[in-house]
């Protein structure tokens, strides 16, 4: 009478193959989640920088040369927005640079986005 079934070696080989497939699938899933989070954070940082630039452009007063930093809550995250307004060779123009950083854990914020532009003095005519 012959018994049917798998030998111990066949079972171990099958478990090893399954383990390799599970490890590969886990790594792919982890990379997907990491990529998704990075794209999401970059998108939010881009929106925040664009909103800040538009706020400056919509101000009635010509921005003075300055640098300021503010923190805000957006999309359940804490962000730091650094706005630097500097002079240009043209008196009626200012250069505006906006840097957006986010906090990850307890450490220092990580910069995700930078946006630069120029603002013209509304009082000056062309």
PDB file of N, CA and C in Angstrom:
ATOM      1  N   UNK A   1       0.835  -1.176   0.000  1.00  0.00           N
ATOM      2  CA  UNK A   1       0.000   0.000   0.000  1.00  0.00           C
ATOM      3  C   UNK A   1       0.889   1.252   0.000  1.00  0.00           C
ATOM      4  N   UNK A   2       0.616   2.122  -0.941  1.00  0.00           N
ATOM      5  CA  UNK A   2       1.414   3.339  -1.104  1.00  0.00           C
ATOM      6  C   UNK A   2       0.669   4.529  -0.494  1.00  0.00           C
ATOM      7  N   UNK A   3       1.397   5.363   0.276  1.00  0.00           N
ATOM      8  CA  UNK A   3       0.767   6.538   0.895  1.00  0.00           C
ATOM      9  C   UNK A   3       0.907   7.736  -0.036  1.00  0.00           C
ATOM     10  N   UNK A   4      -0.100   8.589  -0.008  1.00  0.00           N
ATOM     11  CA  UNK A   4      -0.076   9.781  -0.838  1.00  0.00           C
ATOM     12  C   UNK A   4       0.130  10.999   0.052  1.00  0.00           C
ATOM     13  N   UNK A   5       0.732  12.038  -0.520  1.00  0.00           N
ATOM     14  CA  UNK A   5       0.967  13.273   0.220  1.00  0.00           C
ATOM     15  C   UNK A   5       2.296  13.878  -0.184  1.00  0.00           C
ATOM     16  N   UNK A   6       2.663  14.927   0.519  1.00  0.00           N
ATOM     17  CA  UNK A   6       3.906  15.643   0.224  1.00  0.00           C
ATOM     18  C   UNK A   6       4.989  15.189   1.182  1.00  0.00           C
ATOM     19  N   UNK A   7       6.205  15.168   0.681  1.00  0.00           N
ATOM     20  CA  UNK A   7       7.330  14.868   1.562  1.00  0.00           C
ATOM     21  C   UNK A   7       7.697  16.136   2.324  1.00  0.00           C
ATOM     22  N   UNK A   8       8.482  15.963   3.346  1.00  0.00           N
ATOM     23  CA  UNK A   8       8.905  17.097   4.156  1.00  0.00           C
ATOM     24  C   UNK A   8       9.691  18.099   3.307  1.00  0.00           C
ATOM     25  N   UNK A   9      10.511  17.654   2.404  1.00  0.00           N
ATOM     26  CA  UNK A   9      11.290  18.548   1.541  1.00  0.00           C
ATOM     27  C   UNK A   9      10.369  19.339   0.623  1.00  0.00           C
ATOM     28  N   UNK A  10       9.370  18.725   0.077  1.00  0.00           N
ATOM     29  CA  UNK A  10       8.423  19.428  -0.799  1.00  0.00           C
ATOM     30  C   UNK A  10       7.687  20.522  -0.029  1.00  0.00           C
ATOM     31  N   UNK A  11       7.296  20.209   1.199  1.00  0.00           N
ATOM     32  CA  UNK A  11       6.599  21.202   2.029  1.00  0.00           C
ATOM     33  C   UNK A  11       7.534  22.371   2.351  1.00  0.00           C
ATOM     34  N   UNK A  12       8.793  22.081   2.686  1.00  0.00           N
ATOM     35  CA  UNK A  12       9.744  23.151   2.998  1.00  0.00           C
ATOM     36  C   UNK A  12      10.032  24.023   1.779  1.00  0.00           C
ATOM     37  N   UNK A  13      10.161  23.428   0.605  1.00  0.00           N
ATOM     38  CA  UNK A  13      10.380  24.204  -0.616  1.00  0.00           C
ATOM     39  C   UNK A  13       9.165  25.088  -0.895  1.00  0.00           C
ATOM     40  N   UNK A  14       7.979  24.541  -0.732  1.00  0.00           N
ATOM     41  CA  UNK A  14       6.756  25.334  -0.959  1.00  0.00           C
ATOM     42  C   UNK A  14       6.680  26.503   0.016  1.00  0.00           C
ATOM     43  N   UNK A  15       7.022  26.270   1.283  1.00  0.00           N
ATOM     44  CA  UNK A  15       7.014  27.349   2.277  1.00  0.00           C
ATOM     45  C   UNK A  15       8.059  28.415   1.955  1.00  0.00           C
ATOM     46  N   UNK A  16       9.230  27.994   1.470  1.00  0.00           N
ATOM     47  CA  UNK A  16      10.257  28.950   1.106  1.00  0.00           C
ATOM     48  C   UNK A  16       9.798  29.825  -0.067  1.00  0.00           C
ATOM     49  N   UNK A  17       9.189  29.211  -1.080  1.00  0.00           N
ATOM     50  CA  UNK A  17       8.690  29.968  -2.227  1.00  0.00           C
ATOM     51  C   UNK A  17       7.605  30.936  -1.780  1.00  0.00           C
ATOM     52  N   UNK A  18       6.688  30.468  -0.945  1.00  0.00           N
ATOM     53  CA  UNK A  18       5.635  31.342  -0.439  1.00  0.00           C
ATOM     54  C   UNK A  18       6.226  32.500   0.364  1.00  0.00           C
ATOM     55  N   UNK A  19       7.247  32.222   1.177  1.00  0.00           N
ATOM     56  CA  UNK A  19       7.899  33.270   1.970  1.00  0.00           C
ATOM     57  C   UNK A  19       8.552  34.323   1.093  1.00  0.00           C
ATOM     58  N   UNK A  20       9.203  33.905   0.022  1.00  0.00           N
ATOM     59  CA  UNK A  20       9.828  34.861  -0.903  1.00  0.00           C
ATOM     60  C   UNK A  20       8.775  35.724  -1.598  1.00  0.00           C
ATOM     61  N   UNK A  21       7.704  35.110  -2.023  1.00  0.00           N
ATOM     62  CA  UNK A  21       6.625  35.873  -2.681  1.00  0.00           C
ATOM     63  C   UNK A  21       5.998  36.857  -1.697  1.00  0.00           C
ATOM     64  N   UNK A  22       5.758  36.429  -0.465  1.00  0.00           N
ATOM     65  CA  UNK A  22       5.157  37.312   0.537  1.00  0.00           C
ATOM     66  C   UNK A  22       6.083  38.487   0.856  1.00  0.00           C
ATOM     67  N   UNK A  23       7.383  38.228   0.936  1.00  0.00           N
ATOM     68  CA  UNK A  23       8.344  39.307   1.209  1.00  0.00           C
ATOM     69  C   UNK A  23       8.362  40.326   0.072  1.00  0.00           C
ATOM     70  N   UNK A  24       8.382  39.832  -1.156  1.00  0.00           N
ATOM     71  CA  UNK A  24       8.381  40.738  -2.316  1.00  0.00           C
ATOM     72  C   UNK A  24       7.102  41.566  -2.358  1.00  0.00           C
ATOM     73  N   UNK A  25       5.967  40.926  -2.110  1.00  0.00           N
ATOM     74  CA  UNK A  25       4.688  41.653  -2.120  1.00  0.00           C
ATOM     75  C   UNK A  25       4.652  42.703  -1.019  1.00  0.00           C
ATOM     76  N   UNK A  26       5.210  42.392   0.128  1.00  0.00           N
ATOM     77  CA  UNK A  26       5.245  43.339   1.240  1.00  0.00           C
ATOM     78  C   UNK A  26       6.102  44.559   0.888  1.00  0.00           C
ATOM     79  N   UNK A  27       7.230  44.343   0.250  1.00  0.00           N
ATOM     80  CA  UNK A  27       8.103  45.451  -0.145  1.00  0.00           C
ATOM     81  C   UNK A  27       7.439  46.336  -1.191  1.00  0.00           C
ATOM     82  N   UNK A  28       6.770  45.736  -2.148  1.00  0.00           N
ATOM     83  CA  UNK A  28       6.066  46.516  -3.174  1.00  0.00           C
ATOM     84  C   UNK A  28       4.967  47.358  -2.533  1.00  0.00           C
ATOM     85  N   UNK A  29       4.215  46.763  -1.620  1.00  0.00           N
ATOM     86  CA  UNK A  29       3.160  47.510  -0.923  1.00  0.00           C
ATOM     87  C   UNK A  29       3.711  48.654  -0.109  1.00  0.00           C
ATOM     88  N   UNK A  30       4.823  48.429   0.556  1.00  0.00           N
ATOM     89  CA  UNK A  30       5.458  49.470   1.358  1.00  0.00           C
ATOM     90  C   UNK A  30       5.953  50.613   0.473  1.00  0.00           C
ATOM     91  N   UNK A  31       6.549  50.287  -0.658  1.00  0.00           N
ATOM     92  CA  UNK A  31       7.019  51.323  -1.581  1.00  0.00           C
ATOM     93  C   UNK A  31       5.846  52.124  -2.144  1.00  0.00           C
ATOM     94  N   UNK A  32       4.742  51.446  -2.428  1.00  0.00           N
ATOM     95  CA  UNK A  32       3.561  52.142  -2.935  1.00  0.00           C
ATOM     96  C   UNK A  32       3.050  53.144  -1.905  1.00  0.00           C
ATOM     97  N   UNK A  33       2.947  52.722  -0.654  1.00  0.00           N
ATOM     98  CA  UNK A  33       2.456  53.630   0.389  1.00  0.00           C
ATOM     99  C   UNK A  33       3.405  54.803   0.595  1.00  0.00           C
ATOM    100  N   UNK A  34       4.696  54.540   0.580  1.00  0.00           N
ATOM    101  CA  UNK A  34       5.675  55.606   0.740  1.00  0.00           C
ATOM    102  C   UNK A  34       5.587  56.603  -0.422  1.00  0.00           C
ATOM    103  N   UNK A  35       5.452  56.086  -1.629  1.00  0.00           N
ATOM    104  CA  UNK A  35       5.329  56.941  -2.814  1.00  0.00           C
ATOM    105  C   UNK A  35       4.048  57.770  -2.742  1.00  0.00           C
ATOM    106  N   UNK A  36       2.955  57.146  -2.342  1.00  0.00           N
ATOM    107  CA  UNK A  36       1.676  57.849  -2.221  1.00  0.00           C
ATOM    108  C   UNK A  36       1.788  58.996  -1.215  1.00  0.00           C
ATOM    109  N   UNK A  37       2.390  58.729  -0.057  1.00  0.00           N
ATOM    110  CA  UNK A  37       2.519  59.761   0.970  1.00  0.00           C
ATOM    111  C   UNK A  37       3.393  60.912   0.485  1.00  0.00           C
ATOM    112  N   UNK A  38       4.463  60.599  -0.234  1.00  0.00           N
ATOM    113  CA  UNK A  38       5.352  61.652  -0.745  1.00  0.00           C
ATOM    114  C   UNK A  38       4.628  62.528  -1.767  1.00  0.00           C
ATOM    115  N   UNK A  39       3.915  61.919  -2.691  1.00  0.00           N
ATOM    116  CA  UNK A  39       3.174  62.693  -3.702  1.00  0.00           C
ATOM    117  C   UNK A  39       2.098  63.537  -3.025  1.00  0.00           C
ATOM    118  N   UNK A  40       1.402  62.973  -2.044  1.00  0.00           N
ATOM    119  CA  UNK A  40       0.372  63.715  -1.311  1.00  0.00           C
ATOM    120  C   UNK A  40       0.975  64.930  -0.614  1.00  0.00           C
ATOM    121  N   UNK A  41       2.102  64.740   0.085  1.00  0.00           N
ATOM    122  CA  UNK A  41       2.737  65.850   0.795  1.00  0.00           C
ATOM    123  C   UNK A  41       3.247  66.921  -0.165  1.00  0.00           C
ATOM    124  N   UNK A  42       3.822  66.506  -1.291  1.00  0.00           N
ATOM    125  CA  UNK A  42       4.292  67.483  -2.285  1.00  0.00           C
ATOM    126  C   UNK A  42       3.123  68.268  -2.872  1.00  0.00           C
ATOM    127  N   UNK A  43       2.009  67.608  -3.088  1.00  0.00           N
ATOM    128  CA  UNK A  43       0.822  68.302  -3.611  1.00  0.00           C
ATOM    129  C   UNK A  43       0.322  69.343  -2.625  1.00  0.00           C
ATOM    130  N   UNK A  44       0.188  68.958  -1.360  1.00  0.00           N
ATOM    131  CA  UNK A  44      -0.271  69.905  -0.341  1.00  0.00           C
ATOM    132  C   UNK A  44       0.711  71.071  -0.195  1.00  0.00           C
ATOM    133  N   UNK A  45       2.009  70.779  -0.212  1.00  0.00           N
ATOM    134  CA  UNK A  45       3.019  71.839  -0.087  1.00  0.00           C
ATOM    135  C   UNK A  45       2.938  72.802  -1.269  1.00  0.00           C
ATOM    136  N   UNK A  46       2.683  72.276  -2.444  1.00  0.00           N
ATOM    137  CA  UNK A  46       2.535  73.123  -3.630  1.00  0.00           C
ATOM    138  C   UNK A  46       1.318  74.028  -3.502  1.00  0.00           C
ATOM    139  N   UNK A  47       0.226  73.487  -3.020  1.00  0.00           N
ATOM    140  CA  UNK A  47      -0.984  74.301  -2.823  1.00  0.00           C
ATOM    141  C   UNK A  47      -0.732  75.404  -1.802  1.00  0.00           C
ATOM    142  N   UNK A  48      -0.060  75.071  -0.703  1.00  0.00           N
ATOM    143  CA  UNK A  48       0.211  76.058   0.345  1.00  0.00           C
ATOM    144  C   UNK A  48       1.098  77.176  -0.202  1.00  0.00           C
ATOM    145  N   UNK A  49       2.143  76.819  -0.949  1.00  0.00           N
ATOM    146  CA  UNK A  49       3.045  77.837  -1.519  1.00  0.00           C
ATOM    147  C   UNK A  49       2.301  78.725  -2.512  1.00  0.00           C
ATOM    148  N   UNK A  50       1.497  78.127  -3.371  1.00  0.00           N
ATOM    149  CA  UNK A  50       0.720  78.910  -4.334  1.00  0.00           C
ATOM    150  C   UNK A  50      -0.269  79.840  -3.657  1.00  0.00           C
ATOM    151  N   UNK A  51      -0.923  79.351  -2.603  1.00  0.00           N
ATOM    152  CA  UNK A  51      -1.870  80.192  -1.860  1.00  0.00           C
ATOM    153  C   UNK A  51      -1.161  81.380  -1.222  1.00  0.00           C
ATOM    154  N   UNK A  52       0.017  81.132  -0.654  1.00  0.00           N
ATOM    155  CA  UNK A  52       0.758  82.229  -0.009  1.00  0.00           C
ATOM    156  C   UNK A  52       1.190  83.274  -1.031  1.00  0.00           C
ATOM    157  N   UNK A  53       1.667  82.805  -2.199  1.00  0.00           N
ATOM    158  CA  UNK A  53       2.076  83.748  -3.256  1.00  0.00           C
ATOM    159  C   UNK A  53       0.879  84.590  -3.700  1.00  0.00           C
ATOM    160  N   UNK A  54      -0.269  83.965  -3.865  1.00  0.00           N
ATOM    161  CA  UNK A  54      -1.459  84.713  -4.283  1.00  0.00           C
ATOM    162  C   UNK A  54      -1.919  85.694  -3.211  1.00  0.00           C
ATOM    163  N   UNK A  55      -1.773  85.329  -1.934  1.00  0.00           N
ATOM    164  CA  UNK A  55      -2.102  86.263  -0.859  1.00  0.00           C
ATOM    165  C   UNK A  55      -1.243  87.525  -0.967  1.00  0.00           C
ATOM    166  N   UNK A  56       0.041  87.346  -1.230  1.00  0.00           N
ATOM    167  CA  UNK A  56       0.941  88.495  -1.352  1.00  0.00           C
ATOM    168  C   UNK A  56       0.576  89.329  -2.572  1.00  0.00           C
ATOM    169  N   UNK A  57       0.283  88.683  -3.669  1.00  0.00           N
ATOM    170  CA  UNK A  57      -0.080  89.409  -4.900  1.00  0.00           C
ATOM    171  C   UNK A  57      -1.378  90.191  -4.743  1.00  0.00           C
ATOM    172  N   UNK A  58      -2.290  89.698  -3.925  1.00  0.00           N
ATOM    173  CA  UNK A  58      -3.581  90.365  -3.753  1.00  0.00           C
ATOM    174  C   UNK A  58      -3.555  91.482  -2.709  1.00  0.00           C
ATOM    175  N   UNK A  59      -2.448  91.618  -1.989  1.00  0.00           N
ATOM    176  CA  UNK A  59      -2.351  92.705  -1.020  1.00  0.00           C
ATOM    177  C   UNK A  59      -2.342  94.033  -1.754  1.00  0.00           C
ATOM    178  N   UNK A  60      -2.931  95.014  -1.137  1.00  0.00           N
ATOM    179  CA  UNK A  60      -2.962  96.339  -1.761  1.00  0.00           C
ATOM    180  C   UNK A  60      -1.619  97.045  -1.640  1.00  0.00           C
ATOM    181  N   UNK A  61      -0.898  96.766  -0.555  1.00  0.00           N
ATOM    182  CA  UNK A  61       0.386  97.440  -0.319  1.00  0.00           C
ATOM    183  C   UNK A  61       1.522  96.651  -0.956  1.00  0.00           C
ATOM    184  N   UNK A  62       2.515  97.388  -1.422  1.00  0.00           N
ATOM    185  CA  UNK A  62       3.730  96.785  -1.973  1.00  0.00           C
ATOM    186  C   UNK A  62       4.490  96.139  -0.822  1.00  0.00           C
ATOM    187  N   UNK A  63       4.864  94.870  -0.923  1.00  0.00           N
ATOM    188  CA  UNK A  63       5.511  94.204   0.220  1.00  0.00           C
ATOM    189  C   UNK A  63       6.897  94.793   0.503  1.00  0.00           C
ATOM    190  N   UNK A  64       7.194  94.961   1.766  1.00  0.00           N
ATOM    191  CA  UNK A  64       8.513  95.473   2.150  1.00  0.00           C
ATOM    192  C   UNK A  64       9.500  94.311   2.218  1.00  0.00           C
ATOM    193  N   UNK A  65      10.772  94.649   2.174  1.00  0.00           N
ATOM    194  CA  UNK A  65      11.815  93.630   2.264  1.00  0.00           C
ATOM    195  C   UNK A  65      11.755  93.027   3.663  1.00  0.00           C
ATOM    196  N   UNK A  66      11.584  91.716   3.721  1.00  0.00           N
ATOM    197  CA  UNK A  66      11.426  91.062   5.020  1.00  0.00           C
ATOM    198  C   UNK A  66      11.554  89.553   4.862  1.00  0.00           C
ATOM    199  N   UNK A  67      11.608  88.888   6.001  1.00  0.00           N
ATOM    200  CA  UNK A  67      11.548  87.426   6.036  1.00  0.00           C
ATOM    201  C   UNK A  67      10.721  87.045   7.248  1.00  0.00           C
ATOM    202  N   UNK A  68       9.714  86.220   7.035  1.00  0.00           N
ATOM    203  CA  UNK A  68       8.908  85.771   8.168  1.00  0.00           C
ATOM    204  C   UNK A  68       8.576  84.291   8.017  1.00  0.00           C
ATOM    205  N   UNK A  69       8.227  83.729   9.141  1.00  0.00           N
ATOM    206  CA  UNK A  69       7.902  82.310   9.194  1.00  0.00           C
ATOM    207  C   UNK A  69       6.598  82.159   9.966  1.00  0.00           C
ATOM    208  N   UNK A  70       5.722  81.325   9.442  1.00  0.00           N
ATOM    209  CA  UNK A  70       4.473  81.064  10.147  1.00  0.00           C
ATOM    210  C   UNK A  70       4.168  79.578  10.074  1.00  0.00           C
ATOM    211  N   UNK A  71       3.462  79.108  11.075  1.00  0.00           N
ATOM    212  CA  UNK A  71       3.063  77.707  11.098  1.00  0.00           C
ATOM    213  C   UNK A  71       1.564  77.625  10.936  1.00  0.00           C
ATOM    214  N   UNK A  72       1.129  76.568  10.250  1.00  0.00           N
ATOM    215  CA  UNK A  72      -0.296  76.388  10.045  1.00  0.00           C
ATOM    216  C   UNK A  72      -0.644  74.910  10.027  1.00  0.00           C
ATOM    217  N   UNK A  73      -1.910  74.636  10.267  1.00  0.00           N
ATOM    218  CA  UNK A  73      -2.442  73.277  10.182  1.00  0.00           C
ATOM    219  C   UNK A  73      -3.202  73.168   8.870  1.00  0.00           C
ATOM    220  N   UNK A  74      -2.871  72.151   8.105  1.00  0.00           N
ATOM    221  CA  UNK A  74      -3.533  71.948   6.821  1.00  0.00           C
ATOM    222  C   UNK A  74      -3.508  70.452   6.532  1.00  0.00           C
ATOM    223  N   UNK A  75      -4.652  69.900   6.193  1.00  0.00           N
ATOM    224  CA  UNK A  75      -4.780  68.480   5.852  1.00  0.00           C
ATOM    225  C   UNK A  75      -4.248  67.596   6.986  1.00  0.00           C
ATOM    226  N   UNK A  76      -4.612  67.944   8.196  1.00  0.00           N
ATOM    227  CA  UNK A  76      -4.215  67.187   9.380  1.00  0.00           C
ATOM    228  C   UNK A  76      -2.702  67.087   9.556  1.00  0.00           C
ATOM    229  N   UNK A  77      -1.970  68.067   9.078  1.00  0.00           N
ATOM    230  CA  UNK A  77      -0.518  68.111   9.229  1.00  0.00           C
ATOM    231  C   UNK A  77      -0.118  69.497   9.688  1.00  0.00           C
ATOM    232  N   UNK A  78       1.048  69.591  10.279  1.00  0.00           N
ATOM    233  CA  UNK A  78       1.597  70.873  10.700  1.00  0.00           C
ATOM    234  C   UNK A  78       2.648  71.291   9.683  1.00  0.00           C
ATOM    235  N   UNK A  79       2.540  72.533   9.208  1.00  0.00           N
ATOM    236  CA  UNK A  79       3.417  73.046   8.152  1.00  0.00           C
ATOM    237  C   UNK A  79       4.078  74.324   8.619  1.00  0.00           C
ATOM    238  N   UNK A  80       5.267  74.601   8.100  1.00  0.00           N
ATOM    239  CA  UNK A  80       5.939  75.879   8.311  1.00  0.00           C
ATOM    240  C   UNK A  80       6.089  76.526   6.937  1.00  0.00           C
ATOM    241  N   UNK A  81       5.664  77.791   6.846  1.00  0.00           N
ATOM    242  CA  UNK A  81       5.768  78.546   5.596  1.00  0.00           C
ATOM    243  C   UNK A  81       6.712  79.717   5.842  1.00  0.00           C
ATOM    244  N   UNK A  82       7.818  79.732   5.113  1.00  0.00           N
ATOM    245  CA  UNK A  82       8.812  80.798   5.235  1.00  0.00           C
ATOM    246  C   UNK A  82       8.709  81.674   3.993  1.00  0.00           C
ATOM    247  N   UNK A  83       8.452  82.957   4.215  1.00  0.00           N
ATOM    248  CA  UNK A  83       8.304  83.906   3.113  1.00  0.00           C
ATOM    249  C   UNK A  83       9.435  84.924   3.193  1.00  0.00           C
ATOM    250  N   UNK A  84      10.195  85.021   2.113  1.00  0.00           N
ATOM    251  CA  UNK A  84      11.310  85.964   2.058  1.00  0.00           C
ATOM    252  C   UNK A  84      11.078  86.923   0.896  1.00  0.00           C
ATOM    253  N   UNK A  85      11.005  88.223   1.216  1.00  0.00           N
ATOM    254  CA  UNK A  85      10.830  89.267   0.206  1.00  0.00           C
ATOM    255  C   UNK A  85      12.144  90.034   0.134  1.00  0.00           C
ATOM    256  N   UNK A  86      12.722  90.114  -1.058  1.00  0.00           N
ATOM    257  CA  UNK A  86      14.002  90.799  -1.211  1.00  0.00           C
ATOM    258  C   UNK A  86      13.949  91.813  -2.341  1.00  0.00           C
ATOM    259  N   UNK A  87      14.898  92.737  -2.301  1.00  0.00           N
ATOM    260  CA  UNK A  87      15.016  93.773  -3.332  1.00  0.00           C
ATOM    261  C   UNK A  87      15.507  93.176  -4.644  1.00  0.00           C
ATOM    262  N   UNK A  88      15.232  93.891  -5.712  1.00  0.00           N
ATOM    263  CA  UNK A  88      15.796  93.575  -7.023  1.00  0.00           C
ATOM    264  C   UNK A  88      16.505  94.827  -7.532  1.00  0.00           C
ATOM    265  N   UNK A  89      17.140  94.738  -8.681  1.00  0.00           N
ATOM    266  CA  UNK A  89      17.795  95.916  -9.268  1.00  0.00           C
ATOM    267  C   UNK A  89      16.764  96.960  -9.690  1.00  0.00           C
ATOM    268  N   UNK A  90      15.568  96.531  -9.945  1.00  0.00           N
ATOM    269  CA  UNK A  90      14.473  97.429 -10.321  1.00  0.00           C
ATOM    270  C   UNK A  90      13.725  97.837  -9.047  1.00  0.00           C
ATOM    271  N   UNK A  91      13.637  99.144  -8.783  1.00  0.00           N
ATOM    272  CA  UNK A  91      13.014  99.630  -7.547  1.00  0.00           C
ATOM    273  C   UNK A  91      11.533  99.266  -7.427  1.00  0.00           C
ATOM    274  N   UNK A  92      10.869  99.100  -8.551  1.00  0.00           N
ATOM    275  CA  UNK A  92       9.433  98.826  -8.514  1.00  0.00           C
ATOM    276  C   UNK A  92       9.120  97.328  -8.463  1.00  0.00           C
ATOM    277  N   UNK A  93      10.141  96.496  -8.254  1.00  0.00           N
ATOM    278  CA  UNK A  93       9.943  95.038  -8.211  1.00  0.00           C
ATOM    279  C   UNK A  93      10.530  94.468  -6.921  1.00  0.00           C
ATOM    280  N   UNK A  94       9.887  93.419  -6.428  1.00  0.00           N
ATOM    281  CA  UNK A  94      10.397  92.650  -5.299  1.00  0.00           C
ATOM    282  C   UNK A  94      10.414  91.175  -5.702  1.00  0.00           C
ATOM    283  N   UNK A  95      11.426  90.473  -5.226  1.00  0.00           N
ATOM    284  CA  UNK A  95      11.499  89.024  -5.430  1.00  0.00           C
ATOM    285  C   UNK A  95      10.919  88.357  -4.192  1.00  0.00           C
ATOM    286  N   UNK A  96      10.027  87.399  -4.392  1.00  0.00           N
ATOM    287  CA  UNK A  96       9.392  86.685  -3.291  1.00  0.00           C
ATOM    288  C   UNK A  96       9.761  85.208  -3.405  1.00  0.00           C
ATOM    289  N   UNK A  97      10.298  84.668  -2.327  1.00  0.00           N
ATOM    290  CA  UNK A  97      10.583  83.233  -2.279  1.00  0.00           C
ATOM    291  C   UNK A  97       9.812  82.636  -1.111  1.00  0.00           C
ATOM    292  N   UNK A  98       9.103  81.561  -1.396  1.00  0.00           N
ATOM    293  CA  UNK A  98       8.297  80.883  -0.385  1.00  0.00           C
ATOM    294  C   UNK A  98       8.806  79.452  -0.267  1.00  0.00           C
ATOM    295  N   UNK A  99       9.112  79.063   0.962  1.00  0.00           N
ATOM    296  CA  UNK A  99       9.548  77.694   1.224  1.00  0.00           C
ATOM    297  C   UNK A  99       8.540  77.042   2.164  1.00  0.00           C
ATOM    298  N   UNK A 100       8.123  75.838   1.815  1.00  0.00           N
ATOM    299  CA  UNK A 100       7.137  75.115   2.622  1.00  0.00           C
ATOM    300  C   UNK A 100       7.800  73.880   3.203  1.00  0.00           C
ATOM    301  N   UNK A 101       7.676  73.747   4.508  1.00  0.00           N
ATOM    302  CA  UNK A 101       8.246  72.606   5.222  1.00  0.00           C
ATOM    303  C   UNK A 101       7.146  71.906   6.003  1.00  0.00           C
ATOM    304  N   UNK A 102       7.348  70.630   6.277  1.00  0.00           N
ATOM    305  CA  UNK A 102       6.399  69.892   7.103  1.00  0.00           C
ATOM    306  C   UNK A 102       7.151  69.190   8.218  1.00  0.00           C
ATOM    307  N   UNK A 103       6.443  68.942   9.298  1.00  0.00           N
ATOM    308  CA  UNK A 103       7.030  68.248  10.438  1.00  0.00           C
ATOM    309  C   UNK A 103       6.736  66.762  10.307  1.00  0.00           C
ATOM    310  N   UNK A 104       7.775  65.970  10.475  1.00  0.00           N
ATOM    311  CA  UNK A 104       7.621  64.513  10.487  1.00  0.00           C
ATOM    312  C   UNK A 104       8.167  64.028  11.816  1.00  0.00           C
ATOM    313  N   UNK A 105       7.286  63.653  12.679  1.00  0.00           N
ATOM    314  CA  UNK A 105       7.718  63.210  14.002  1.00  0.00           C
ATOM    315  C   UNK A 105       8.112  64.389  14.867  1.00  0.00           C
ATOM    316  N   UNK A 106       9.085  64.181  15.729  1.00  0.00           N
ATOM    317  CA  UNK A 106       9.495  65.201  16.691  1.00  0.00           C
ATOM    318  C   UNK A 106      10.660  66.048  16.200  1.00  0.00           C
ATOM    319  N   UNK A 107      11.271  65.704  15.073  1.00  0.00           N
ATOM    320  CA  UNK A 107      12.462  66.401  14.594  1.00  0.00           C
ATOM    321  C   UNK A 107      12.165  67.715  13.916  1.00  0.00           C
ATOM    322  N   UNK A 108      13.204  68.248  13.305  1.00  0.00           N
ATOM    323  CA  UNK A 108      13.095  69.495  12.561  1.00  0.00           C
ATOM    324  C   UNK A 108      12.230  69.287  11.321  1.00  0.00           C
ATOM    325  N   UNK A 109      11.610  70.366  10.830  1.00  0.00           N
ATOM    326  CA  UNK A 109      10.783  70.226   9.629  1.00  0.00           C
ATOM    327  C   UNK A 109      11.621  69.919   8.391  1.00  0.00           C
ATOM    328  N   UNK A 110      10.993  69.273   7.429  1.00  0.00           N
ATOM    329  CA  UNK A 110      11.638  68.886   6.175  1.00  0.00           C
ATOM    330  C   UNK A 110      11.059  69.752   5.066  1.00  0.00           C
ATOM    331  N   UNK A 111      11.939  70.383   4.282  1.00  0.00           N
ATOM    332  CA  UNK A 111      11.458  71.232   3.180  1.00  0.00           C
ATOM    333  C   UNK A 111      10.954  70.364   2.034  1.00  0.00           C
ATOM    334  N   UNK A 112       9.752  70.708   1.559  1.00  0.00           N
ATOM    335  CA  UNK A 112       9.144  69.961   0.466  1.00  0.00           C
ATOM    336  C   UNK A 112       8.983  70.787  -0.800  1.00  0.00           C
ATOM    337  N   UNK A 113       8.789  72.086  -0.657  1.00  0.00           N
ATOM    338  CA  UNK A 113       8.453  72.892  -1.831  1.00  0.00           C
ATOM    339  C   UNK A 113       9.091  74.263  -1.708  1.00  0.00           C
ATOM    340  N   UNK A 114       9.455  74.814  -2.849  1.00  0.00           N
ATOM    341  CA  UNK A 114       9.981  76.172  -2.915  1.00  0.00           C
ATOM    342  C   UNK A 114       9.347  76.842  -4.130  1.00  0.00           C
ATOM    343  N   UNK A 115       8.917  78.067  -3.949  1.00  0.00           N
ATOM    344  CA  UNK A 115       8.272  78.811  -5.031  1.00  0.00           C
ATOM    345  C   UNK A 115       8.841  80.227  -5.045  1.00  0.00           C
ATOM    346  N   UNK A 116       9.251  80.697  -6.215  1.00  0.00           N
ATOM    347  CA  UNK A 116       9.798  82.046  -6.351  1.00  0.00           C
ATOM    348  C   UNK A 116       8.975  82.824  -7.371  1.00  0.00           C
ATOM    349  N   UNK A 117       8.893  84.114  -7.158  1.00  0.00           N
ATOM    350  CA  UNK A 117       8.169  84.969  -8.090  1.00  0.00           C
ATOM    351  C   UNK A 117       8.541  86.421  -7.867  1.00  0.00           C
ATOM    352  N   UNK A 118       7.963  87.279  -8.687  1.00  0.00           N
ATOM    353  CA  UNK A 118       8.238  88.708  -8.605  1.00  0.00           C
ATOM    354  C   UNK A 118       6.924  89.457  -8.459  1.00  0.00           C
ATOM    355  N   UNK A 119       6.966  90.511  -7.659  1.00  0.00           N
ATOM    356  CA  UNK A 119       5.798  91.348  -7.413  1.00  0.00           C
ATOM    357  C   UNK A 119       6.141  92.762  -7.863  1.00  0.00           C
ATOM    358  N   UNK A 120       5.231  93.355  -8.620  1.00  0.00           N
ATOM    359  CA  UNK A 120       5.422  94.728  -9.091  1.00  0.00           C
ATOM    360  C   UNK A 120       4.671  95.676  -8.176  1.00  0.00           C
ATOM    361  N   UNK A 121       5.255  96.831  -7.940  1.00  0.00           N
ATOM    362  CA  UNK A 121       4.620  97.869  -7.128  1.00  0.00           C
ATOM    363  C   UNK A 121       3.387  98.365  -7.871  1.00  0.00           C
ATOM    364  N   UNK A 122       2.190  98.247  -7.272  1.00  0.00           N
ATOM    365  CA  UNK A 122       0.977  98.695  -7.975  1.00  0.00           C
ATOM    366  C   UNK A 122       0.917 100.213  -8.158  1.00  0.00           C
ATOM    367  N   UNK A 123       1.709 100.945  -7.386  1.00  0.00           N
ATOM    368  CA  UNK A 123       1.715 102.402  -7.503  1.00  0.00           C
ATOM    369  C   UNK A 123       2.519 102.879  -8.702  1.00  0.00           C
ATOM    370  N   UNK A 124       3.440 102.057  -9.181  1.00  0.00           N
ATOM    371  CA  UNK A 124       4.302 102.422 -10.314  1.00  0.00           C
ATOM    372  C   UNK A 124       3.580 102.126 -11.626  1.00  0.00           C
ATOM    373  N   UNK A 125       3.731 103.005 -12.568  1.00  0.00           N
ATOM    374  CA  UNK A 125       3.167 102.765 -13.896  1.00  0.00           C
ATOM    375  C   UNK A 125       4.262 102.247 -14.810  1.00  0.00           C
ATOM    376  N   UNK A 126       3.850 101.496 -15.791  1.00  0.00           N
ATOM    377  CA  UNK A 126       4.829 100.930 -16.725  1.00  0.00           C
ATOM    378  C   UNK A 126       5.333 101.922 -17.713  1.00  0.00           C
TER     379      UNK A 126
END
